Amino acid sequence: MEKLILASCSPRRSELLAHAGIPFETAAPDVDETCSLPADQAVEELSARKAKAAASLHPGRFILSADTLVSVDGKKLGKPKDESDAIEMLHSLSGRIHQVYTGVSVISPAGKLLTGSDRSDVTFCTLTDEEILAYIRTGEPMDKAGAYALQGRASLWISRVEGSFSSVIGLPLYLVRTLLIRSGYSFSDIR
């Protein structure tokens, strides 16, 4: 199977791809992540920007990129800027259902761009101030959209996920497969 370029430095995305048996190398170019679009559209726009930036550095290769945003009441929650931002995000999610949107983009070696997105609904139990502060002290929420990791300590707070677990972690693998196949990538050599 051909080794693709993962335009992300996220260890979680790398783990998901590795577990799926897809060979890759990472190359995450810097891109402007400012976007005023609603979360469901912003993740597609941002993942496309990342893919295009990586493709310019690696022409003729399969490029895969992704972007994840959390949304509650239509407000986008990216990665927290600092601890107080993380505290505010977690308070806004406490006892609520929120949406996690992940956009995925693939660029084929011929330069064709394909983009799609996934939505999952996540239900949090009610959190105490002490739980939130203890979680912040672990450092886990600081590089995660919405200030939490489904696969980490925050899993204790999640009573329900409707949608793709891998999408909430940051890479909807079924969508990755679909877009890669549509772009001409072959899975026939999977081991």
C-alpha atoms as a PDB file:
ATOM      1  CA  MET A   1       0.000   0.000   0.000  1.00  0.00           C
ATOM      2  CA  GLU A   2       1.281   3.443  -0.891  1.00  0.00           C
ATOM      3  CA  LYS A   3       2.552   5.634   1.955  1.00  0.00           C
ATOM      4  CA  LEU A   4       0.517   8.816   2.191  1.00  0.00           C
ATOM      5  CA  ILE A   5       1.292  12.170   3.770  1.00  0.00           C
ATOM      6  CA  LEU A   6      -0.706  12.947   6.911  1.00  0.00           C
ATOM      7  CA  ALA A   7      -0.870  16.737   7.118  1.00  0.00           C
ATOM      8  CA  SER A   8      -1.201  16.715  10.900  1.00  0.00           C
ATOM      9  CA  CYS A   9       1.057  16.478  13.913  1.00  0.00           C
ATOM     10  CA  SER A  10      -1.757  15.057  16.076  1.00  0.00           C
ATOM     11  CA  PRO A  11      -0.582  11.907  17.864  1.00  0.00           C
ATOM     12  CA  ARG A  12      -4.203  10.745  18.016  1.00  0.00           C
ATOM     13  CA  ARG A  13      -4.621  10.906  14.234  1.00  0.00           C
ATOM     14  CA  SER A  14      -1.324   9.076  13.808  1.00  0.00           C
ATOM     15  CA  GLU A  15      -2.459   6.343  16.213  1.00  0.00           C
ATOM     16  CA  LEU A  16      -5.776   5.895  14.411  1.00  0.00           C
ATOM     17  CA  LEU A  17      -4.099   5.590  10.999  1.00  0.00           C
ATOM     18  CA  ALA A  18      -1.473   3.192  12.352  1.00  0.00           C
ATOM     19  CA  HIS A  19      -4.151   0.977  13.943  1.00  0.00           C
ATOM     20  CA  ALA A  20      -6.004   0.936  10.613  1.00  0.00           C
ATOM     21  CA  GLY A  21      -2.833  -0.325   8.912  1.00  0.00           C
ATOM     22  CA  ILE A  22      -2.492   2.639   6.557  1.00  0.00           C
ATOM     23  CA  PRO A  23       1.176   3.550   5.946  1.00  0.00           C
ATOM     24  CA  PHE A  24       1.942   7.249   6.292  1.00  0.00           C
ATOM     25  CA  GLU A  25       4.450   9.890   7.210  1.00  0.00           C
ATOM     26  CA  THR A  26       3.563  13.158   8.875  1.00  0.00           C
ATOM     27  CA  ALA A  27       4.210  16.612   7.478  1.00  0.00           C
ATOM     28  CA  ALA A  28       2.134  19.341   9.063  1.00  0.00           C
ATOM     29  CA  PRO A  29       2.628  22.707   7.363  1.00  0.00           C
ATOM     30  CA  ASP A  30       1.560  25.856   9.181  1.00  0.00           C
ATOM     31  CA  VAL A  31      -1.735  27.264   7.931  1.00  0.00           C
ATOM     32  CA  ASP A  32      -3.986  30.089   9.017  1.00  0.00           C
ATOM     33  CA  GLU A  33      -6.734  28.438  11.060  1.00  0.00           C
ATOM     34  CA  THR A  34      -8.889  31.555  11.283  1.00  0.00           C
ATOM     35  CA  CYS A  35     -12.340  30.824   9.858  1.00  0.00           C
ATOM     36  CA  SER A  36     -15.653  32.587  10.450  1.00  0.00           C
ATOM     37  CA  LEU A  37     -17.779  29.826   8.921  1.00  0.00           C
ATOM     38  CA  PRO A  38     -20.053  27.691  11.133  1.00  0.00           C
ATOM     39  CA  ALA A  39     -18.274  24.653  12.624  1.00  0.00           C
ATOM     40  CA  ASP A  40     -19.668  22.129  10.119  1.00  0.00           C
ATOM     41  CA  GLN A  41     -18.321  24.178   7.197  1.00  0.00           C
ATOM     42  CA  ALA A  42     -15.185  25.442   8.946  1.00  0.00           C
ATOM     43  CA  VAL A  43     -13.781  21.929   9.452  1.00  0.00           C
ATOM     44  CA  GLU A  44     -13.981  21.246   5.703  1.00  0.00           C
ATOM     45  CA  GLU A  45     -12.416  24.612   4.842  1.00  0.00           C
ATOM     46  CA  LEU A  46      -9.592  24.166   7.361  1.00  0.00           C
ATOM     47  CA  SER A  47      -8.843  20.575   6.391  1.00  0.00           C
ATOM     48  CA  ALA A  48      -8.694  21.650   2.723  1.00  0.00           C
ATOM     49  CA  ARG A  49      -6.245  24.442   3.588  1.00  0.00           C
ATOM     50  CA  LYS A  50      -4.003  21.955   5.384  1.00  0.00           C
ATOM     51  CA  ALA A  51      -4.152  19.483   2.504  1.00  0.00           C
ATOM     52  CA  LYS A  52      -3.325  22.133  -0.099  1.00  0.00           C
ATOM     53  CA  ALA A  53      -0.386  23.402   1.945  1.00  0.00           C
ATOM     54  CA  ALA A  54       0.992  19.860   2.333  1.00  0.00           C
ATOM     55  CA  ALA A  55       0.431  19.077  -1.365  1.00  0.00           C
ATOM     56  CA  SER A  56       2.506  22.090  -2.376  1.00  0.00           C
ATOM     57  CA  LEU A  57       5.415  20.614  -0.408  1.00  0.00           C
ATOM     58  CA  HIS A  58       4.814  17.004  -1.509  1.00  0.00           C
ATOM     59  CA  PRO A  59       3.549  17.041  -5.124  1.00  0.00           C
ATOM     60  CA  GLY A  60       2.496  13.745  -6.648  1.00  0.00           C
ATOM     61  CA  ARG A  61       1.655  12.138  -3.292  1.00  0.00           C
ATOM     62  CA  PHE A  62      -1.603  11.221  -1.579  1.00  0.00           C
ATOM     63  CA  ILE A  63      -2.291  13.854   1.065  1.00  0.00           C
ATOM     64  CA  LEU A  64      -4.661  13.377   4.009  1.00  0.00           C
ATOM     65  CA  SER A  65      -5.648  16.148   6.412  1.00  0.00           C
ATOM     66  CA  ALA A  66      -8.305  16.726   9.040  1.00  0.00           C
ATOM     67  CA  ASP A  67      -9.679  19.388  11.336  1.00  0.00           C
ATOM     68  CA  THR A  68     -11.932  18.969  14.372  1.00  0.00           C
ATOM     69  CA  LEU A  69     -14.132  21.497  16.150  1.00  0.00           C
ATOM     70  CA  VAL A  70     -16.578  21.131  19.006  1.00  0.00           C
ATOM     71  CA  SER A  71     -19.793  23.146  18.904  1.00  0.00           C
ATOM     72  CA  VAL A  72     -22.277  23.898  21.649  1.00  0.00           C
ATOM     73  CA  ASP A  73     -25.257  26.154  20.976  1.00  0.00           C
ATOM     74  CA  GLY A  74     -23.645  27.098  17.646  1.00  0.00           C
ATOM     75  CA  LYS A  75     -20.462  28.354  19.357  1.00  0.00           C
ATOM     76  CA  LYS A  76     -17.235  26.856  17.984  1.00  0.00           C
ATOM     77  CA  LEU A  77     -14.766  25.476  20.493  1.00  0.00           C
ATOM     78  CA  GLY A  78     -11.289  24.811  19.173  1.00  0.00           C
ATOM     79  CA  LYS A  79      -8.219  24.145  21.295  1.00  0.00           C
ATOM     80  CA  PRO A  80      -8.148  26.211  24.484  1.00  0.00           C
ATOM     81  CA  LYS A  81      -5.813  29.220  24.520  1.00  0.00           C
ATOM     82  CA  ASP A  82      -5.032  28.793  28.210  1.00  0.00           C
ATOM     83  CA  GLU A  83      -6.342  27.165  31.394  1.00  0.00           C
ATOM     84  CA  SER A  84      -9.115  29.699  31.952  1.00  0.00           C
ATOM     85  CA  ASP A  85     -10.326  29.134  28.388  1.00  0.00           C
ATOM     86  CA  ALA A  86     -10.334  25.357  29.021  1.00  0.00           C
ATOM     87  CA  ILE A  87     -12.306  25.851  32.249  1.00  0.00           C
ATOM     88  CA  GLU A  88     -14.881  27.973  30.405  1.00  0.00           C
ATOM     89  CA  MET A  89     -15.211  25.364  27.637  1.00  0.00           C
ATOM     90  CA  LEU A  90     -15.708  22.485  30.054  1.00  0.00           C
ATOM     91  CA  HIS A  91     -18.320  24.464  32.023  1.00  0.00           C
ATOM     92  CA  SER A  92     -20.201  25.081  28.749  1.00  0.00           C
ATOM     93  CA  LEU A  93     -20.210  21.319  27.990  1.00  0.00           C
ATOM     94  CA  SER A  94     -21.167  20.187  31.498  1.00  0.00           C
ATOM     95  CA  GLY A  95     -24.519  18.378  31.589  1.00  0.00           C
ATOM     96  CA  ARG A  96     -25.101  19.070  27.897  1.00  0.00           C
ATOM     97  CA  ILE A  97     -25.163  17.495  24.461  1.00  0.00           C
ATOM     98  CA  HIS A  98     -22.683  19.022  22.035  1.00  0.00           C
ATOM     99  CA  GLN A  99     -21.554  18.351  18.492  1.00  0.00           C
ATOM    100  CA  VAL A 100     -18.111  17.299  17.288  1.00  0.00           C
ATOM    101  CA  TYR A 101     -17.398  18.047  13.629  1.00  0.00           C
ATOM    102  CA  THR A 102     -14.390  16.614  11.835  1.00  0.00           C
ATOM    103  CA  GLY A 103     -13.546  17.599   8.289  1.00  0.00           C
ATOM    104  CA  VAL A 104     -11.327  15.385   6.146  1.00  0.00           C
ATOM    105  CA  SER A 105      -9.576  16.279   2.912  1.00  0.00           C
ATOM    106  CA  VAL A 106      -7.656  14.088   0.496  1.00  0.00           C
ATOM    107  CA  ILE A 107      -5.586  15.239  -2.448  1.00  0.00           C
ATOM    108  CA  SER A 108      -4.671  12.623  -5.043  1.00  0.00           C
ATOM    109  CA  PRO A 109      -1.251  12.485  -6.728  1.00  0.00           C
ATOM    110  CA  ALA A 110      -2.933  14.114  -9.755  1.00  0.00           C
ATOM    111  CA  GLY A 111      -4.005  17.049  -7.557  1.00  0.00           C
ATOM    112  CA  LYS A 112      -7.721  16.276  -7.201  1.00  0.00           C
ATOM    113  CA  LEU A 113      -9.144  17.549  -3.880  1.00  0.00           C
ATOM    114  CA  LEU A 114     -11.954  15.658  -2.125  1.00  0.00           C
ATOM    115  CA  THR A 115     -13.441  16.902   1.130  1.00  0.00           C
ATOM    116  CA  GLY A 116     -16.110  15.654   3.512  1.00  0.00           C
ATOM    117  CA  SER A 117     -17.127  15.951   7.133  1.00  0.00           C
ATOM    118  CA  ASP A 118     -18.672  14.002   9.971  1.00  0.00           C
ATOM    119  CA  ARG A 119     -20.861  15.033  12.891  1.00  0.00           C
ATOM    120  CA  SER A 120     -21.130  13.184  16.179  1.00  0.00           C
ATOM    121  CA  ASP A 121     -23.247  14.151  19.192  1.00  0.00           C
ATOM    122  CA  VAL A 122     -21.610  13.732  22.599  1.00  0.00           C
ATOM    123  CA  THR A 123     -23.424  13.880  25.951  1.00  0.00           C
ATOM    124  CA  PHE A 124     -21.541  14.997  29.062  1.00  0.00           C
ATOM    125  CA  CYS A 125     -22.696  14.424  32.627  1.00  0.00           C
ATOM    126  CA  THR A 126     -22.726  17.380  35.002  1.00  0.00           C
ATOM    127  CA  LEU A 127     -19.210  18.266  36.135  1.00  0.00           C
ATOM    128  CA  THR A 128     -18.138  19.756  39.436  1.00  0.00           C
ATOM    129  CA  ASP A 129     -15.679  22.643  39.624  1.00  0.00           C
ATOM    130  CA  GLU A 130     -13.256  20.317  41.416  1.00  0.00           C
ATOM    131  CA  GLU A 131     -13.404  17.747  38.598  1.00  0.00           C
ATOM    132  CA  ILE A 132     -12.769  20.416  35.980  1.00  0.00           C
ATOM    133  CA  LEU A 133      -9.807  21.894  37.870  1.00  0.00           C
ATOM    134  CA  ALA A 134      -8.287  18.460  38.508  1.00  0.00           C
ATOM    135  CA  TYR A 135      -8.629  17.642  34.806  1.00  0.00           C
ATOM    136  CA  ILE A 136      -7.019  20.922  33.782  1.00  0.00           C
ATOM    137  CA  ARG A 137      -4.047  20.131  36.059  1.00  0.00           C
ATOM    138  CA  THR A 138      -3.379  16.919  34.092  1.00  0.00           C
ATOM    139  CA  GLY A 139      -2.620  19.007  30.992  1.00  0.00           C
ATOM    140  CA  GLU A 140      -4.713  16.627  28.861  1.00  0.00           C
ATOM    141  CA  PRO A 141      -7.269  19.187  27.639  1.00  0.00           C
ATOM    142  CA  MET A 142      -4.815  21.812  26.447  1.00  0.00           C
ATOM    143  CA  ASP A 143      -4.295  20.569  22.877  1.00  0.00           C
ATOM    144  CA  LYS A 144      -7.789  19.182  22.246  1.00  0.00           C
ATOM    145  CA  ALA A 145     -10.795  20.750  20.542  1.00  0.00           C
ATOM    146  CA  GLY A 146     -13.388  21.465  23.220  1.00  0.00           C
ATOM    147  CA  ALA A 147     -10.723  20.933  25.919  1.00  0.00           C
ATOM    148  CA  TYR A 148     -11.269  17.183  26.337  1.00  0.00           C
ATOM    149  CA  ALA A 149     -10.177  13.799  25.021  1.00  0.00           C
ATOM    150  CA  LEU A 150     -12.791  11.085  24.499  1.00  0.00           C
ATOM    151  CA  GLN A 151     -10.058   8.461  24.830  1.00  0.00           C
ATOM    152  CA  GLY A 152      -8.628  10.006  27.999  1.00  0.00           C
ATOM    153  CA  ARG A 153      -9.795  10.927  31.486  1.00  0.00           C
ATOM    154  CA  ALA A 154     -12.804  12.805  30.119  1.00  0.00           C
ATOM    155  CA  SER A 155     -14.266   9.430  29.100  1.00  0.00           C
ATOM    156  CA  LEU A 156     -15.545   9.279  32.692  1.00  0.00           C
ATOM    157  CA  TRP A 157     -17.914  12.146  31.875  1.00  0.00           C
ATOM    158  CA  ILE A 158     -19.329  10.913  28.567  1.00  0.00           C
ATOM    159  CA  SER A 159     -22.623   9.098  28.919  1.00  0.00           C
ATOM    160  CA  ARG A 160     -23.421   8.832  25.210  1.00  0.00           C
ATOM    161  CA  VAL A 161     -21.862   9.208  21.775  1.00  0.00           C
ATOM    162  CA  GLU A 162     -24.054   9.195  18.706  1.00  0.00           C
ATOM    163  CA  GLY A 163     -21.782   8.872  15.706  1.00  0.00           C
ATOM    164  CA  SER A 164     -18.192   7.899  15.048  1.00  0.00           C
ATOM    165  CA  PHE A 165     -15.835   7.447  17.990  1.00  0.00           C
ATOM    166  CA  SER A 166     -12.809   7.881  15.710  1.00  0.00           C
ATOM    167  CA  SER A 167     -14.283  11.151  14.470  1.00  0.00           C
ATOM    168  CA  VAL A 168     -14.607  12.490  18.012  1.00  0.00           C
ATOM    169  CA  ILE A 169     -10.947  11.545  18.545  1.00  0.00           C
ATOM    170  CA  GLY A 170     -10.073  13.492  15.389  1.00  0.00           C
ATOM    171  CA  LEU A 171     -10.210  11.251  12.306  1.00  0.00           C
ATOM    172  CA  PRO A 172     -13.387   9.505  11.067  1.00  0.00           C
ATOM    173  CA  LEU A 173     -11.780   6.400   9.579  1.00  0.00           C
ATOM    174  CA  TYR A 174     -14.806   5.385   7.495  1.00  0.00           C
ATOM    175  CA  LEU A 175     -14.706   8.825   5.808  1.00  0.00           C
ATOM    176  CA  VAL A 176     -10.934   8.578   5.331  1.00  0.00           C
ATOM    177  CA  ARG A 177     -11.433   5.230   3.559  1.00  0.00           C
ATOM    178  CA  THR A 178     -14.253   6.606   1.389  1.00  0.00           C
ATOM    179  CA  LEU A 179     -12.300   9.679   0.257  1.00  0.00           C
ATOM    180  CA  LEU A 180      -9.081   7.725  -0.333  1.00  0.00           C
ATOM    181  CA  ILE A 181     -10.883   5.157  -2.501  1.00  0.00           C
ATOM    182  CA  ARG A 182     -12.625   7.944  -4.464  1.00  0.00           C
ATOM    183  CA  SER A 183      -9.205   9.534  -5.057  1.00  0.00           C
ATOM    184  CA  GLY A 184      -7.739   6.305  -6.454  1.00  0.00           C
ATOM    185  CA  TYR A 185      -5.888   5.002  -3.393  1.00  0.00           C
ATOM    186  CA  SER A 186      -5.729   1.199  -3.255  1.00  0.00           C
ATOM    187  CA  PHE A 187      -6.388  -0.783  -0.092  1.00  0.00           C
ATOM    188  CA  SER A 188      -5.650  -4.121  -1.787  1.00  0.00           C
ATOM    189  CA  ASP A 189      -2.241  -4.431  -0.122  1.00  0.00           C
ATOM    190  CA  ILE A 190      -3.510  -4.090   3.474  1.00  0.00           C
ATOM    191  CA  ARG A 191      -1.730  -6.512   5.779  1.00  0.00           C
END
